[in-house]
Amino acid sequence: MTDTTPLPAPRWLAWMPAASVGALIAGALLTGGGYISKLDEQGRRIAVLEEMAKQQQEIDKRTTRIEAKLDVLVPQQDREARR
């Protein structure tokens, strides 16, 4: 006669659902943390670009004022004749 009684399941197998849920939560937290980090980095980059745009506008304003003063001091025709 052969013994047909099933073998008992290993003890670690009982913890498998809990381990799976833990791994799922850990993965979600890591993914969420990476997403938040990416958003922070993009926010910093946008702030830097906005500051650069403001500086560029200031430079453009100064250049326009200098060109206007230059036109008053030396008319356009005289500048072209000197070239």
C-alpha atoms as a PDB file:
ATOM      1  CA  MET A   1       0.000   0.000   0.000  1.00  0.00           C
ATOM      2  CA  THR A   2       1.110   3.464  -0.748  1.00  0.00           C
ATOM      3  CA  ASP A   3       0.744   6.409   1.575  1.00  0.00           C
ATOM      4  CA  THR A   4      -1.532   9.027  -0.059  1.00  0.00           C
ATOM      5  CA  THR A   5      -1.590  11.609   2.713  1.00  0.00           C
ATOM      6  CA  PRO A   6      -0.547  15.057   1.456  1.00  0.00           C
ATOM      7  CA  LEU A   7       2.623  16.588   2.812  1.00  0.00           C
ATOM      8  CA  PRO A   8       2.171  19.703   4.975  1.00  0.00           C
ATOM      9  CA  ALA A   9       3.009  23.020   3.304  1.00  0.00           C
ATOM     10  CA  PRO A  10       6.283  24.689   4.295  1.00  0.00           C
ATOM     11  CA  ARG A  11       5.990  27.278   7.088  1.00  0.00           C
ATOM     12  CA  TRP A  12       7.420  30.092   4.961  1.00  0.00           C
ATOM     13  CA  LEU A  13       4.625  29.650   2.470  1.00  0.00           C
ATOM     14  CA  ALA A  14       2.125  30.963   5.048  1.00  0.00           C
ATOM     15  CA  TRP A  15       3.998  34.296   5.111  1.00  0.00           C
ATOM     16  CA  MET A  16       4.030  34.694   1.326  1.00  0.00           C
ATOM     17  CA  PRO A  17       0.860  36.883   1.056  1.00  0.00           C
ATOM     18  CA  ALA A  18       2.150  39.262   3.742  1.00  0.00           C
ATOM     19  CA  ALA A  19       5.570  39.450   2.070  1.00  0.00           C
ATOM     20  CA  SER A  20       3.932  40.152  -1.300  1.00  0.00           C
ATOM     21  CA  VAL A  21       1.838  42.973   0.148  1.00  0.00           C
ATOM     22  CA  GLY A  22       4.933  44.411   1.850  1.00  0.00           C
ATOM     23  CA  ALA A  23       6.895  44.314  -1.393  1.00  0.00           C
ATOM     24  CA  LEU A  24       4.011  45.958  -3.234  1.00  0.00           C
ATOM     25  CA  ILE A  25       3.798  48.786  -0.682  1.00  0.00           C
ATOM     26  CA  ALA A  26       7.578  49.282  -0.715  1.00  0.00           C
ATOM     27  CA  GLY A  27       7.569  49.504  -4.514  1.00  0.00           C
ATOM     28  CA  ALA A  28       4.739  52.015  -4.480  1.00  0.00           C
ATOM     29  CA  LEU A  29       6.566  54.171  -1.920  1.00  0.00           C
ATOM     30  CA  LEU A  30       9.794  54.087  -3.910  1.00  0.00           C
ATOM     31  CA  THR A  31       7.965  54.993  -7.109  1.00  0.00           C
ATOM     32  CA  GLY A  32       6.075  57.803  -5.381  1.00  0.00           C
ATOM     33  CA  GLY A  33       9.283  59.133  -3.831  1.00  0.00           C
ATOM     34  CA  GLY A  34      10.983  59.170  -7.221  1.00  0.00           C
ATOM     35  CA  TYR A  35       8.029  61.012  -8.717  1.00  0.00           C
ATOM     36  CA  ILE A  36       8.083  63.627  -5.942  1.00  0.00           C
ATOM     37  CA  SER A  37      11.835  64.046  -6.350  1.00  0.00           C
ATOM     38  CA  LYS A  38      11.410  64.532 -10.095  1.00  0.00           C
ATOM     39  CA  LEU A  39       8.730  67.183  -9.517  1.00  0.00           C
ATOM     40  CA  ASP A  40      10.994  69.039  -7.073  1.00  0.00           C
ATOM     41  CA  GLU A  41      13.873  68.999  -9.550  1.00  0.00           C
ATOM     42  CA  GLN A  42      11.649  70.303 -12.343  1.00  0.00           C
ATOM     43  CA  GLY A  43      10.365  73.050 -10.042  1.00  0.00           C
ATOM     44  CA  ARG A  44      13.940  74.140  -9.294  1.00  0.00           C
ATOM     45  CA  ARG A  45      14.788  74.145 -12.997  1.00  0.00           C
ATOM     46  CA  ILE A  46      11.731  76.236 -13.815  1.00  0.00           C
ATOM     47  CA  ALA A  47      12.681  78.755 -11.112  1.00  0.00           C
ATOM     48  CA  VAL A  48      16.194  79.045 -12.573  1.00  0.00           C
ATOM     49  CA  LEU A  49      14.817  79.512 -16.097  1.00  0.00           C
ATOM     50  CA  GLU A  50      12.393  82.198 -14.900  1.00  0.00           C
ATOM     51  CA  GLU A  51      15.251  84.040 -13.197  1.00  0.00           C
ATOM     52  CA  MET A  52      17.326  83.812 -16.374  1.00  0.00           C
ATOM     53  CA  ALA A  53      14.400  85.195 -18.386  1.00  0.00           C
ATOM     54  CA  LYS A  54      14.111  88.161 -15.996  1.00  0.00           C
ATOM     55  CA  GLN A  55      17.829  88.850 -16.332  1.00  0.00           C
ATOM     56  CA  GLN A  56      17.564  88.651 -20.113  1.00  0.00           C
ATOM     57  CA  GLN A  57      14.701  91.157 -20.075  1.00  0.00           C
ATOM     58  CA  GLU A  58      16.791  93.548 -17.962  1.00  0.00           C
ATOM     59  CA  ILE A  59      19.673  93.229 -20.411  1.00  0.00           C
ATOM     60  CA  ASP A  60      17.307  93.894 -23.320  1.00  0.00           C
ATOM     61  CA  LYS A  61      15.966  97.022 -21.614  1.00  0.00           C
ATOM     62  CA  ARG A  62      19.475  98.347 -20.966  1.00  0.00           C
ATOM     63  CA  THR A  63      20.523  97.590 -24.531  1.00  0.00           C
ATOM     64  CA  THR A  64      17.492  99.447 -25.880  1.00  0.00           C
ATOM     65  CA  ARG A  65      18.296 102.491 -23.717  1.00  0.00           C
ATOM     66  CA  ILE A  66      21.929 102.446 -24.809  1.00  0.00           C
ATOM     67  CA  GLU A  67      20.939 102.202 -28.474  1.00  0.00           C
ATOM     68  CA  ALA A  68      18.508 105.104 -28.049  1.00  0.00           C
ATOM     69  CA  LYS A  69      21.217 107.250 -26.463  1.00  0.00           C
ATOM     70  CA  LEU A  70      23.636 106.264 -29.197  1.00  0.00           C
ATOM     71  CA  ASP A  71      21.117 107.293 -31.857  1.00  0.00           C
ATOM     72  CA  VAL A  72      20.795 110.678 -30.191  1.00  0.00           C
ATOM     73  CA  LEU A  73      24.545 111.176 -29.919  1.00  0.00           C
ATOM     74  CA  VAL A  74      25.503 109.704 -33.295  1.00  0.00           C
ATOM     75  CA  PRO A  75      22.746 109.569 -35.923  1.00  0.00           C
ATOM     76  CA  GLN A  76      22.365 106.345 -37.895  1.00  0.00           C
ATOM     77  CA  GLN A  77      23.710 107.906 -41.117  1.00  0.00           C
ATOM     78  CA  ASP A  78      26.978 108.926 -39.458  1.00  0.00           C
ATOM     79  CA  ARG A  79      27.480 105.469 -37.984  1.00  0.00           C
ATOM     80  CA  GLU A  80      26.996 103.808 -41.380  1.00  0.00           C
ATOM     81  CA  ALA A  81      29.382 106.253 -43.045  1.00  0.00           C
ATOM     82  CA  ARG A  82      32.118 105.419 -40.518  1.00  0.00           C
ATOM     83  CA  ARG A  83      32.057 101.709 -41.329  1.00  0.00           C
END
